[in-house]
Every structure is written in structure tokens, then in C-alpha cells.
Amino acid sequence: MKQEEHQLQVAIVNYLRYNGYLVFSVPNAGARSKRMGGYYKAEGLLAGVSDLILVLPNEVIFIELKIGTEKQKPPQKEFEKRVKELGYQYWLIYCIEQLIVNINAFTNEN
């Protein structure tokens, strides 16, 4: 994970937790040996899984973080498609202000 994306993720996690939300990361990135890659895949590692999972009453929101002009990779797009087909929300977030707008809109709807 690039430093800027790391900083965004830390800021978002801090904001959500400060406001009482249950959020956790899915550390899916990083270099690993072929052996360890197979080990983690056997445990359920799935390419494209979103960076954060936000758990709300009767809802789970999958949050993917990007910086600047970064785009989703094909496995991330496939994960988004599958999540949405199952009826869940998937947010592609580029800044903390966008997250705040999304969370406020969601909480006002529900």
C-alpha cells in the first residue's frame, strides 16, 4: 500500500471509530512468497477484497480506497460486482470528505 493511501485509510478508520462505528481492515496486499500466498489463499484470501469493512445494524458496507487518479484493478471490479449483486453497498472512496458525505447520507436514509 502506498504511503498516501495508508494515511487515508488511517484517517478514515480513526474517524469512523471515533464516531462509534465498527470498521476493520482486510490486509490483502503486500509481497509474500509463493508458499505463503498459497497458505493464505487456502485460509480464504481473495484477490480484490475491499480495504475496509464497515459493519452497521442490518448492513455491511465494503469500502475500497484509492488516491488521486488510481483506478480499480480487475479483481477489485469483480469483487465490487459480486458484492452489489448480493445486495450490499460498495463505496469507492478517494478522500475522507467523500467518506463523511457517504456515511451522513446513509445514516440519514436509515
PDB file of N, CA and C in Angstrom:
ATOM      1  N   MET A   1       0.855  -1.183   0.000  1.00  0.00           N
ATOM      2  CA  MET A   1       0.000   0.000   0.000  1.00  0.00           C
ATOM      3  C   MET A   1       0.893   1.236   0.000  1.00  0.00           C
ATOM      4  N   LYS A   2       0.556   2.157  -0.853  1.00  0.00           N
ATOM      5  CA  LYS A   2       1.316   3.401  -0.926  1.00  0.00           C
ATOM      6  C   LYS A   2       1.082   4.224   0.337  1.00  0.00           C
ATOM      7  N   GLN A   3       2.072   5.041   0.684  1.00  0.00           N
ATOM      8  CA  GLN A   3       2.007   5.841   1.909  1.00  0.00           C
ATOM      9  C   GLN A   3       0.768   6.730   1.942  1.00  0.00           C
ATOM     10  N   GLU A   4       0.436   7.378   0.809  1.00  0.00           N
ATOM     11  CA  GLU A   4      -0.731   8.271   0.792  1.00  0.00           C
ATOM     12  C   GLU A   4      -2.023   7.505   1.059  1.00  0.00           C
ATOM     13  N   GLU A   5      -2.145   6.318   0.456  1.00  0.00           N
ATOM     14  CA  GLU A   5      -3.342   5.512   0.702  1.00  0.00           C
ATOM     15  C   GLU A   5      -3.370   5.039   2.152  1.00  0.00           C
ATOM     16  N   HIS A   6      -2.220   4.699   2.683  1.00  0.00           N
ATOM     17  CA  HIS A   6      -2.132   4.308   4.093  1.00  0.00           C
ATOM     18  C   HIS A   6      -2.641   5.437   4.988  1.00  0.00           C
ATOM     19  N   GLN A   7      -2.192   6.659   4.716  1.00  0.00           N
ATOM     20  CA  GLN A   7      -2.620   7.806   5.517  1.00  0.00           C
ATOM     21  C   GLN A   7      -4.124   8.028   5.416  1.00  0.00           C
ATOM     22  N   LEU A   8      -4.682   7.863   4.219  1.00  0.00           N
ATOM     23  CA  LEU A   8      -6.134   7.992   4.036  1.00  0.00           C
ATOM     24  C   LEU A   8      -6.861   6.919   4.837  1.00  0.00           C
ATOM     25  N   GLN A   9      -6.365   5.699   4.757  1.00  0.00           N
ATOM     26  CA  GLN A   9      -7.024   4.607   5.477  1.00  0.00           C
ATOM     27  C   GLN A   9      -6.974   4.843   6.986  1.00  0.00           C
ATOM     28  N   VAL A  10      -5.841   5.268   7.504  1.00  0.00           N
ATOM     29  CA  VAL A  10      -5.713   5.552   8.940  1.00  0.00           C
ATOM     30  C   VAL A  10      -6.689   6.648   9.349  1.00  0.00           C
ATOM     31  N   ALA A  11      -6.767   7.713   8.555  1.00  0.00           N
ATOM     32  CA  ALA A  11      -7.679   8.821   8.871  1.00  0.00           C
ATOM     33  C   ALA A  11      -9.131   8.357   8.868  1.00  0.00           C
ATOM     34  N   ILE A  12      -9.509   7.538   7.905  1.00  0.00           N
ATOM     35  CA  ILE A  12     -10.889   7.055   7.822  1.00  0.00           C
ATOM     36  C   ILE A  12     -11.211   6.121   8.982  1.00  0.00           C
ATOM     37  N   VAL A  13     -10.310   5.212   9.293  1.00  0.00           N
ATOM     38  CA  VAL A  13     -10.531   4.300  10.417  1.00  0.00           C
ATOM     39  C   VAL A  13     -10.652   5.104  11.716  1.00  0.00           C
ATOM     40  N   ASN A  14      -9.768   6.062  11.915  1.00  0.00           N
ATOM     41  CA  ASN A  14      -9.843   6.888  13.124  1.00  0.00           C
ATOM     42  C   ASN A  14     -11.160   7.646  13.198  1.00  0.00           C
ATOM     43  N   TYR A  15     -11.588   8.240  12.096  1.00  0.00           N
ATOM     44  CA  TYR A  15     -12.848   8.980  12.061  1.00  0.00           C
ATOM     45  C   TYR A  15     -14.029   8.058  12.402  1.00  0.00           C
ATOM     46  N   LEU A  16     -14.091   6.909  11.749  1.00  0.00           N
ATOM     47  CA  LEU A  16     -15.218   6.002  11.978  1.00  0.00           C
ATOM     48  C   LEU A  16     -15.228   5.469  13.411  1.00  0.00           C
ATOM     49  N   ARG A  17     -14.086   5.064  13.900  1.00  0.00           N
ATOM     50  CA  ARG A  17     -14.035   4.525  15.266  1.00  0.00           C
ATOM     51  C   ARG A  17     -14.323   5.612  16.299  1.00  0.00           C
ATOM     52  N   TYR A  18     -13.828   6.809  16.076  1.00  0.00           N
ATOM     53  CA  TYR A  18     -14.120   7.922  16.985  1.00  0.00           C
ATOM     54  C   TYR A  18     -15.621   8.158  17.078  1.00  0.00           C
ATOM     55  N   ASN A  19     -16.317   7.937  15.965  1.00  0.00           N
ATOM     56  CA  ASN A  19     -17.762   8.140  15.914  1.00  0.00           C
ATOM     57  C   ASN A  19     -18.556   6.875  16.237  1.00  0.00           C
ATOM     58  N   GLY A  20     -17.881   5.877  16.777  1.00  0.00           N
ATOM     59  CA  GLY A  20     -18.552   4.693  17.300  1.00  0.00           C
ATOM     60  C   GLY A  20     -18.860   3.597  16.297  1.00  0.00           C
ATOM     61  N   TYR A  21     -18.311   3.681  15.105  1.00  0.00           N
ATOM     62  CA  TYR A  21     -18.579   2.662  14.083  1.00  0.00           C
ATOM     63  C   TYR A  21     -17.636   1.478  14.233  1.00  0.00           C
ATOM     64  N   LEU A  22     -18.138   0.315  13.859  1.00  0.00           N
ATOM     65  CA  LEU A  22     -17.327  -0.901  13.823  1.00  0.00           C
ATOM     66  C   LEU A  22     -16.762  -1.031  12.406  1.00  0.00           C
ATOM     67  N   VAL A  23     -15.465  -0.860  12.282  1.00  0.00           N
ATOM     68  CA  VAL A  23     -14.795  -0.944  10.988  1.00  0.00           C
ATOM     69  C   VAL A  23     -13.515  -1.735  11.172  1.00  0.00           C
ATOM     70  N   PHE A  24     -13.168  -2.518  10.160  1.00  0.00           N
ATOM     71  CA  PHE A  24     -11.921  -3.263  10.216  1.00  0.00           C
ATOM     72  C   PHE A  24     -11.334  -3.397   8.820  1.00  0.00           C
ATOM     73  N   SER A  25     -10.033  -3.636   8.790  1.00  0.00           N
ATOM     74  CA  SER A  25      -9.342  -3.750   7.511  1.00  0.00           C
ATOM     75  C   SER A  25      -9.205  -5.210   7.104  1.00  0.00           C
ATOM     76  N   VAL A  26      -8.990  -5.380   5.828  1.00  0.00           N
ATOM     77  CA  VAL A  26      -8.680  -6.684   5.270  1.00  0.00           C
ATOM     78  C   VAL A  26      -7.294  -6.555   4.639  1.00  0.00           C
ATOM     79  N   PRO A  27      -6.238  -6.911   5.378  1.00  0.00           N
ATOM     80  CA  PRO A  27      -4.883  -6.732   4.860  1.00  0.00           C
ATOM     81  C   PRO A  27      -4.576  -7.766   3.776  1.00  0.00           C
ATOM     82  N   ASN A  28      -4.963  -7.422   2.570  1.00  0.00           N
ATOM     83  CA  ASN A  28      -4.886  -8.332   1.443  1.00  0.00           C
ATOM     84  C   ASN A  28      -3.679  -8.063   0.554  1.00  0.00           C
ATOM     85  N   ALA A  29      -3.003  -6.945   0.783  1.00  0.00           N
ATOM     86  CA  ALA A  29      -1.887  -6.566  -0.093  1.00  0.00           C
ATOM     87  C   ALA A  29      -0.563  -6.962   0.535  1.00  0.00           C
ATOM     88  N   GLY A  30       0.488  -6.759  -0.208  1.00  0.00           N
ATOM     89  CA  GLY A  30       1.820  -6.996   0.316  1.00  0.00           C
ATOM     90  C   GLY A  30       2.518  -8.140  -0.382  1.00  0.00           C
ATOM     91  N   ALA A  31       3.804  -8.024  -0.436  1.00  0.00           N
ATOM     92  CA  ALA A  31       4.611  -9.068  -1.059  1.00  0.00           C
ATOM     93  C   ALA A  31       4.693 -10.273  -0.128  1.00  0.00           C
ATOM     94  N   ARG A  32       4.596 -11.429  -0.712  1.00  0.00           N
ATOM     95  CA  ARG A  32       4.732 -12.669   0.059  1.00  0.00           C
ATOM     96  C   ARG A  32       5.281 -13.750  -0.858  1.00  0.00           C
ATOM     97  N   SER A  33       5.863 -14.737  -0.264  1.00  0.00           N
ATOM     98  CA  SER A  33       6.407 -15.839  -1.063  1.00  0.00           C
ATOM     99  C   SER A  33       5.260 -16.637  -1.677  1.00  0.00           C
ATOM    100  N   LYS A  34       5.587 -17.417  -2.697  1.00  0.00           N
ATOM    101  CA  LYS A  34       4.575 -18.264  -3.339  1.00  0.00           C
ATOM    102  C   LYS A  34       3.972 -19.237  -2.309  1.00  0.00           C
ATOM    103  N   ARG A  35       4.813 -19.747  -1.447  1.00  0.00           N
ATOM    104  CA  ARG A  35       4.358 -20.683  -0.415  1.00  0.00           C
ATOM    105  C   ARG A  35       3.355 -20.005   0.532  1.00  0.00           C
ATOM    106  N   MET A  36       3.717 -18.795   1.015  1.00  0.00           N
ATOM    107  CA  MET A  36       2.815 -18.080   1.932  1.00  0.00           C
ATOM    108  C   MET A  36       1.550 -17.629   1.208  1.00  0.00           C
ATOM    109  N   GLY A  37       1.671 -17.261  -0.066  1.00  0.00           N
ATOM    110  CA  GLY A  37       0.487 -16.910  -0.846  1.00  0.00           C
ATOM    111  C   GLY A  37      -0.492 -18.072  -0.901  1.00  0.00           C
ATOM    112  N   GLY A  38       0.019 -19.260  -1.133  1.00  0.00           N
ATOM    113  CA  GLY A  38      -0.832 -20.458  -1.143  1.00  0.00           C
ATOM    114  C   GLY A  38      -1.431 -20.732   0.224  1.00  0.00           C
ATOM    115  N   TYR A  39      -0.663 -20.520   1.262  1.00  0.00           N
ATOM    116  CA  TYR A  39      -1.114 -20.709   2.639  1.00  0.00           C
ATOM    117  C   TYR A  39      -2.296 -19.790   2.934  1.00  0.00           C
ATOM    118  N   TYR A  40      -2.139 -18.490   2.608  1.00  0.00           N
ATOM    119  CA  TYR A  40      -3.203 -17.527   2.880  1.00  0.00           C
ATOM    120  C   TYR A  40      -4.420 -17.757   1.986  1.00  0.00           C
ATOM    121  N   LYS A  41      -4.183 -18.157   0.742  1.00  0.00           N
ATOM    122  CA  LYS A  41      -5.302 -18.437  -0.165  1.00  0.00           C
ATOM    123  C   LYS A  41      -6.124 -19.612   0.366  1.00  0.00           C
ATOM    124  N   ALA A  42      -5.446 -20.621   0.904  1.00  0.00           N
ATOM    125  CA  ALA A  42      -6.153 -21.767   1.484  1.00  0.00           C
ATOM    126  C   ALA A  42      -6.993 -21.339   2.686  1.00  0.00           C
ATOM    127  N   GLU A  43      -6.541 -20.286   3.386  1.00  0.00           N
ATOM    128  CA  GLU A  43      -7.288 -19.768   4.541  1.00  0.00           C
ATOM    129  C   GLU A  43      -8.444 -18.862   4.139  1.00  0.00           C
ATOM    130  N   GLY A  44      -8.534 -18.513   2.850  1.00  0.00           N
ATOM    131  CA  GLY A  44      -9.637 -17.682   2.408  1.00  0.00           C
ATOM    132  C   GLY A  44      -9.265 -16.359   1.779  1.00  0.00           C
ATOM    133  N   LEU A  45      -7.975 -16.084   1.620  1.00  0.00           N
ATOM    134  CA  LEU A  45      -7.539 -14.868   0.953  1.00  0.00           C
ATOM    135  C   LEU A  45      -8.203 -14.786  -0.415  1.00  0.00           C
ATOM    136  N   LEU A  46      -8.727 -13.619  -0.746  1.00  0.00           N
ATOM    137  CA  LEU A  46      -9.436 -13.441  -2.009  1.00  0.00           C
ATOM    138  C   LEU A  46      -8.964 -12.151  -2.661  1.00  0.00           C
ATOM    139  N   ALA A  47      -8.443 -12.254  -3.861  1.00  0.00           N
ATOM    140  CA  ALA A  47      -7.975 -11.078  -4.591  1.00  0.00           C
ATOM    141  C   ALA A  47      -9.139 -10.121  -4.825  1.00  0.00           C
ATOM    142  N   GLY A  48      -8.862  -8.834  -4.648  1.00  0.00           N
ATOM    143  CA  GLY A  48      -9.857  -7.817  -4.940  1.00  0.00           C
ATOM    144  C   GLY A  48     -10.731  -7.393  -3.787  1.00  0.00           C
ATOM    145  N   VAL A  49     -10.625  -8.059  -2.641  1.00  0.00           N
ATOM    146  CA  VAL A  49     -11.452  -7.706  -1.487  1.00  0.00           C
ATOM    147  C   VAL A  49     -11.166  -6.255  -1.088  1.00  0.00           C
ATOM    148  N   SER A  50     -12.211  -5.553  -0.684  1.00  0.00           N
ATOM    149  CA  SER A  50     -12.084  -4.140  -0.340  1.00  0.00           C
ATOM    150  C   SER A  50     -11.147  -3.935   0.852  1.00  0.00           C
ATOM    151  N   ASP A  51     -10.649  -2.697   0.961  1.00  0.00           N
ATOM    152  CA  ASP A  51      -9.701  -2.360   2.021  1.00  0.00           C
ATOM    153  C   ASP A  51     -10.333  -2.390   3.408  1.00  0.00           C
ATOM    154  N   LEU A  52     -11.579  -1.919   3.503  1.00  0.00           N
ATOM    155  CA  LEU A  52     -12.256  -1.815   4.796  1.00  0.00           C
ATOM    156  C   LEU A  52     -13.651  -2.430   4.729  1.00  0.00           C
ATOM    157  N   ILE A  53     -14.091  -2.932   5.862  1.00  0.00           N
ATOM    158  CA  ILE A  53     -15.450  -3.434   6.025  1.00  0.00           C
ATOM    159  C   ILE A  53     -16.075  -2.629   7.161  1.00  0.00           C
ATOM    160  N   LEU A  54     -17.197  -2.005   6.862  1.00  0.00           N
ATOM    161  CA  LEU A  54     -17.934  -1.203   7.843  1.00  0.00           C
ATOM    162  C   LEU A  54     -19.210  -1.967   8.191  1.00  0.00           C
ATOM    163  N   VAL A  55     -19.350  -2.306   9.476  1.00  0.00           N
ATOM    164  CA  VAL A  55     -20.497  -3.091   9.938  1.00  0.00           C
ATOM    165  C   VAL A  55     -21.477  -2.165  10.650  1.00  0.00           C
ATOM    166  N   LEU A  56     -22.687  -2.123  10.121  1.00  0.00           N
ATOM    167  CA  LEU A  56     -23.759  -1.295  10.673  1.00  0.00           C
ATOM    168  C   LEU A  56     -24.950  -2.196  11.004  1.00  0.00           C
ATOM    169  N   PRO A  57     -25.906  -1.706  11.772  1.00  0.00           N
ATOM    170  CA  PRO A  57     -27.094  -2.527  12.019  1.00  0.00           C
ATOM    171  C   PRO A  57     -27.752  -2.913  10.694  1.00  0.00           C
ATOM    172  N   ASN A  58     -27.893  -4.193  10.462  1.00  0.00           N
ATOM    173  CA  ASN A  58     -28.549  -4.739   9.273  1.00  0.00           C
ATOM    174  C   ASN A  58     -27.880  -4.346   7.960  1.00  0.00           C
ATOM    175  N   GLU A  59     -26.618  -4.004   7.977  1.00  0.00           N
ATOM    176  CA  GLU A  59     -25.917  -3.602   6.750  1.00  0.00           C
ATOM    177  C   GLU A  59     -24.419  -3.777   6.921  1.00  0.00           C
ATOM    178  N   VAL A  60     -23.784  -4.168   5.848  1.00  0.00           N
ATOM    179  CA  VAL A  60     -22.330  -4.209   5.768  1.00  0.00           C
ATOM    180  C   VAL A  60     -21.953  -3.411   4.532  1.00  0.00           C
ATOM    181  N   ILE A  61     -20.988  -2.515   4.678  1.00  0.00           N
ATOM    182  CA  ILE A  61     -20.541  -1.693   3.560  1.00  0.00           C
ATOM    183  C   ILE A  61     -19.070  -1.998   3.306  1.00  0.00           C
ATOM    184  N   PHE A  62     -18.763  -2.281   2.061  1.00  0.00           N
ATOM    185  CA  PHE A  62     -17.408  -2.580   1.641  1.00  0.00           C
ATOM    186  C   PHE A  62     -16.803  -1.296   1.083  1.00  0.00           C
ATOM    187  N   ILE A  63     -15.623  -0.912   1.583  1.00  0.00           N
ATOM    188  CA  ILE A  63     -15.003   0.357   1.223  1.00  0.00           C
ATOM    189  C   ILE A  63     -13.629   0.110   0.585  1.00  0.00           C
ATOM    190  N   GLU A  64     -13.495   0.552  -0.648  1.00  0.00           N
ATOM    191  CA  GLU A  64     -12.212   0.493  -1.351  1.00  0.00           C
ATOM    192  C   GLU A  64     -11.635   1.898  -1.409  1.00  0.00           C
ATOM    193  N   LEU A  65     -10.356   2.039  -1.086  1.00  0.00           N
ATOM    194  CA  LEU A  65      -9.699   3.341  -1.046  1.00  0.00           C
ATOM    195  C   LEU A  65      -8.734   3.490  -2.215  1.00  0.00           C
ATOM    196  N   LYS A  66      -8.763   4.657  -2.819  1.00  0.00           N
ATOM    197  CA  LYS A  66      -7.852   4.996  -3.903  1.00  0.00           C
ATOM    198  C   LYS A  66      -7.393   6.430  -3.703  1.00  0.00           C
ATOM    199  N   ILE A  67      -6.264   6.760  -4.295  1.00  0.00           N
ATOM    200  CA  ILE A  67      -5.676   8.095  -4.200  1.00  0.00           C
ATOM    201  C   ILE A  67      -5.537   8.674  -5.605  1.00  0.00           C
ATOM    202  N   GLY A  68      -5.842   9.959  -5.732  1.00  0.00           N
ATOM    203  CA  GLY A  68      -5.618  10.661  -6.997  1.00  0.00           C
ATOM    204  C   GLY A  68      -6.370  10.050  -8.158  1.00  0.00           C
ATOM    205  N   THR A  69      -5.625   9.630  -9.173  1.00  0.00           N
ATOM    206  CA  THR A  69      -6.245   9.078 -10.378  1.00  0.00           C
ATOM    207  C   THR A  69      -6.194   7.555 -10.414  1.00  0.00           C
ATOM    208  N   GLU A  70      -5.881   6.930  -9.286  1.00  0.00           N
ATOM    209  CA  GLU A  70      -5.821   5.461  -9.245  1.00  0.00           C
ATOM    210  C   GLU A  70      -7.173   4.871  -9.617  1.00  0.00           C
ATOM    211  N   LYS A  71      -7.121   3.752 -10.302  1.00  0.00           N
ATOM    212  CA  LYS A  71      -8.325   3.026 -10.711  1.00  0.00           C
ATOM    213  C   LYS A  71      -8.320   1.644 -10.068  1.00  0.00           C
ATOM    214  N   GLN A  72      -9.497   1.050 -10.009  1.00  0.00           N
ATOM    215  CA  GLN A  72      -9.593  -0.316  -9.500  1.00  0.00           C
ATOM    216  C   GLN A  72      -8.940  -1.294 -10.480  1.00  0.00           C
ATOM    217  N   LYS A  73      -8.350  -2.320  -9.921  1.00  0.00           N
ATOM    218  CA  LYS A  73      -7.804  -3.407 -10.728  1.00  0.00           C
ATOM    219  C   LYS A  73      -8.947  -4.367 -11.066  1.00  0.00           C
ATOM    220  N   PRO A  74      -8.793  -5.191 -12.096  1.00  0.00           N
ATOM    221  CA  PRO A  74      -9.877  -6.116 -12.476  1.00  0.00           C
ATOM    222  C   PRO A  74     -10.424  -6.973 -11.325  1.00  0.00           C
ATOM    223  N   PRO A  75      -9.576  -7.546 -10.444  1.00  0.00           N
ATOM    224  CA  PRO A  75     -10.162  -8.331  -9.337  1.00  0.00           C
ATOM    225  C   PRO A  75     -11.008  -7.464  -8.392  1.00  0.00           C
ATOM    226  N   GLN A  76     -10.641  -6.193  -8.230  1.00  0.00           N
ATOM    227  CA  GLN A  76     -11.420  -5.292  -7.376  1.00  0.00           C
ATOM    228  C   GLN A  76     -12.768  -4.980  -8.017  1.00  0.00           C
ATOM    229  N   LYS A  77     -12.776  -4.793  -9.325  1.00  0.00           N
ATOM    230  CA  LYS A  77     -14.036  -4.545 -10.032  1.00  0.00           C
ATOM    231  C   LYS A  77     -14.944  -5.768  -9.950  1.00  0.00           C
ATOM    232  N   GLU A  78     -14.357  -6.952 -10.059  1.00  0.00           N
ATOM    233  CA  GLU A  78     -15.142  -8.186  -9.961  1.00  0.00           C
ATOM    234  C   GLU A  78     -15.712  -8.342  -8.551  1.00  0.00           C
ATOM    235  N   PHE A  79     -14.908  -8.038  -7.533  1.00  0.00           N
ATOM    236  CA  PHE A  79     -15.398  -8.110  -6.157  1.00  0.00           C
ATOM    237  C   PHE A  79     -16.549  -7.129  -5.958  1.00  0.00           C
ATOM    238  N   GLU A  80     -16.400  -5.899  -6.446  1.00  0.00           N
ATOM    239  CA  GLU A  80     -17.472  -4.904  -6.345  1.00  0.00           C
ATOM    240  C   GLU A  80     -18.752  -5.422  -6.996  1.00  0.00           C
ATOM    241  N   LYS A  81     -18.625  -5.991  -8.176  1.00  0.00           N
ATOM    242  CA  LYS A  81     -19.791  -6.525  -8.892  1.00  0.00           C
ATOM    243  C   LYS A  81     -20.489  -7.610  -8.072  1.00  0.00           C
ATOM    244  N   ARG A  82     -19.724  -8.528  -7.525  1.00  0.00           N
ATOM    245  CA  ARG A  82     -20.311  -9.629  -6.751  1.00  0.00           C
ATOM    246  C   ARG A  82     -20.999  -9.121  -5.486  1.00  0.00           C
ATOM    247  N   VAL A  83     -20.354  -8.162  -4.803  1.00  0.00           N
ATOM    248  CA  VAL A  83     -20.918  -7.587  -3.579  1.00  0.00           C
ATOM    249  C   VAL A  83     -22.262  -6.916  -3.882  1.00  0.00           C
ATOM    250  N   LYS A  84     -22.287  -6.129  -4.942  1.00  0.00           N
ATOM    251  CA  LYS A  84     -23.523  -5.428  -5.317  1.00  0.00           C
ATOM    252  C   LYS A  84     -24.615  -6.399  -5.748  1.00  0.00           C
ATOM    253  N   GLU A  85     -24.244  -7.463  -6.440  1.00  0.00           N
ATOM    254  CA  GLU A  85     -25.229  -8.485  -6.828  1.00  0.00           C
ATOM    255  C   GLU A  85     -25.860  -9.135  -5.604  1.00  0.00           C
ATOM    256  N   LEU A  86     -25.108  -9.190  -4.507  1.00  0.00           N
ATOM    257  CA  LEU A  86     -25.620  -9.762  -3.260  1.00  0.00           C
ATOM    258  C   LEU A  86     -26.418  -8.755  -2.438  1.00  0.00           C
ATOM    259  N   GLY A  87     -26.512  -7.520  -2.936  1.00  0.00           N
ATOM    260  CA  GLY A  87     -27.337  -6.510  -2.284  1.00  0.00           C
ATOM    261  C   GLY A  87     -26.623  -5.619  -1.285  1.00  0.00           C
ATOM    262  N   TYR A  88     -25.301  -5.666  -1.283  1.00  0.00           N
ATOM    263  CA  TYR A  88     -24.543  -4.839  -0.343  1.00  0.00           C
ATOM    264  C   TYR A  88     -24.024  -3.581  -1.025  1.00  0.00           C
ATOM    265  N   GLN A  89     -23.676  -2.596  -0.222  1.00  0.00           N
ATOM    266  CA  GLN A  89     -23.092  -1.369  -0.736  1.00  0.00           C
ATOM    267  C   GLN A  89     -21.585  -1.511  -0.846  1.00  0.00           C
ATOM    268  N   TYR A  90     -21.044  -0.852  -1.843  1.00  0.00           N
ATOM    269  CA  TYR A  90     -19.606  -0.822  -2.089  1.00  0.00           C
ATOM    270  C   TYR A  90     -19.268   0.623  -2.393  1.00  0.00           C
ATOM    271  N   TRP A  91     -18.404   1.199  -1.586  1.00  0.00           N
ATOM    272  CA  TRP A  91     -18.024   2.597  -1.772  1.00  0.00           C
ATOM    273  C   TRP A  91     -16.582   2.666  -2.246  1.00  0.00           C
ATOM    274  N   LEU A  92     -16.362   3.389  -3.330  1.00  0.00           N
ATOM    275  CA  LEU A  92     -15.031   3.681  -3.809  1.00  0.00           C
ATOM    276  C   LEU A  92     -14.701   5.096  -3.340  1.00  0.00           C
ATOM    277  N   ILE A  93     -13.764   5.197  -2.418  1.00  0.00           N
ATOM    278  CA  ILE A  93     -13.501   6.453  -1.709  1.00  0.00           C
ATOM    279  C   ILE A  93     -12.111   6.990  -2.058  1.00  0.00           C
ATOM    280  N   TYR A  94     -12.058   8.290  -2.382  1.00  0.00           N
ATOM    281  CA  TYR A  94     -10.806   8.963  -2.738  1.00  0.00           C
ATOM    282  C   TYR A  94     -10.338   9.973  -1.692  1.00  0.00           C
ATOM    283  N   CYS A  95     -11.210  10.335  -0.739  1.00  0.00           N
ATOM    284  CA  CYS A  95     -10.815  11.295   0.296  1.00  0.00           C
ATOM    285  C   CYS A  95     -11.759  11.141   1.488  1.00  0.00           C
ATOM    286  N   ILE A  96     -11.316  11.619   2.637  1.00  0.00           N
ATOM    287  CA  ILE A  96     -12.120  11.473   3.848  1.00  0.00           C
ATOM    288  C   ILE A  96     -13.425  12.257   3.751  1.00  0.00           C
ATOM    289  N   GLU A  97     -13.403  13.385   3.047  1.00  0.00           N
ATOM    290  CA  GLU A  97     -14.634  14.180   2.899  1.00  0.00           C
ATOM    291  C   GLU A  97     -15.712  13.379   2.164  1.00  0.00           C
ATOM    292  N   GLN A  98     -15.300  12.618   1.166  1.00  0.00           N
ATOM    293  CA  GLN A  98     -16.240  11.766   0.428  1.00  0.00           C
ATOM    294  C   GLN A  98     -16.827  10.698   1.351  1.00  0.00           C
ATOM    295  N   LEU A  99     -15.995  10.123   2.216  1.00  0.00           N
ATOM    296  CA  LEU A  99     -16.488   9.134   3.182  1.00  0.00           C
ATOM    297  C   LEU A  99     -17.509   9.768   4.108  1.00  0.00           C
ATOM    298  N   ILE A 100     -17.233  10.973   4.591  1.00  0.00           N
ATOM    299  CA  ILE A 100     -18.145  11.651   5.520  1.00  0.00           C
ATOM    300  C   ILE A 100     -19.486  11.932   4.845  1.00  0.00           C
ATOM    301  N   VAL A 101     -19.451  12.372   3.594  1.00  0.00           N
ATOM    302  CA  VAL A 101     -20.695  12.598   2.847  1.00  0.00           C
ATOM    303  C   VAL A 101     -21.470  11.292   2.717  1.00  0.00           C
ATOM    304  N   ASN A 102     -20.786  10.212   2.352  1.00  0.00           N
ATOM    305  CA  ASN A 102     -21.456   8.911   2.188  1.00  0.00           C
ATOM    306  C   ASN A 102     -22.065   8.416   3.495  1.00  0.00           C
ATOM    307  N   ILE A 103     -21.314   8.505   4.589  1.00  0.00           N
ATOM    308  CA  ILE A 103     -21.818   7.989   5.860  1.00  0.00           C
ATOM    309  C   ILE A 103     -22.982   8.826   6.352  1.00  0.00           C
ATOM    310  N   ASN A 104     -22.916  10.146   6.177  1.00  0.00           N
ATOM    311  CA  ASN A 104     -24.044  11.001   6.569  1.00  0.00           C
ATOM    312  C   ASN A 104     -25.281  10.717   5.735  1.00  0.00           C
ATOM    313  N   ALA A 105     -25.118  10.557   4.425  1.00  0.00           N
ATOM    314  CA  ALA A 105     -26.249  10.241   3.555  1.00  0.00           C
ATOM    315  C   ALA A 105     -26.854   8.899   3.949  1.00  0.00           C
ATOM    316  N   PHE A 106     -26.007   7.909   4.220  1.00  0.00           N
ATOM    317  CA  PHE A 106     -26.501   6.586   4.579  1.00  0.00           C
ATOM    318  C   PHE A 106     -27.265   6.632   5.912  1.00  0.00           C
ATOM    319  N   THR A 107     -26.704   7.299   6.907  1.00  0.00           N
ATOM    320  CA  THR A 107     -27.367   7.322   8.218  1.00  0.00           C
ATOM    321  C   THR A 107     -28.653   8.138   8.171  1.00  0.00           C
ATOM    322  N   ASN A 108     -28.725   9.138   7.310  1.00  0.00           N
ATOM    323  CA  ASN A 108     -29.970   9.917   7.176  1.00  0.00           C
ATOM    324  C   ASN A 108     -31.060   9.143   6.456  1.00  0.00           C
ATOM    325  N   GLU A 109     -30.668   8.221   5.571  1.00  0.00           N
ATOM    326  CA  GLU A 109     -31.637   7.373   4.860  1.00  0.00           C
ATOM    327  C   GLU A 109     -32.216   6.311   5.775  1.00  0.00           C
ATOM    328  N   ASN A 110     -31.423   5.873   6.730  1.00  0.00           N
ATOM    329  CA  ASN A 110     -31.826   4.738   7.574  1.00  0.00           C
ATOM    330  C   ASN A 110     -32.092   5.223   8.941  1.00  0.00           C
TER     331      ASN A 110
END
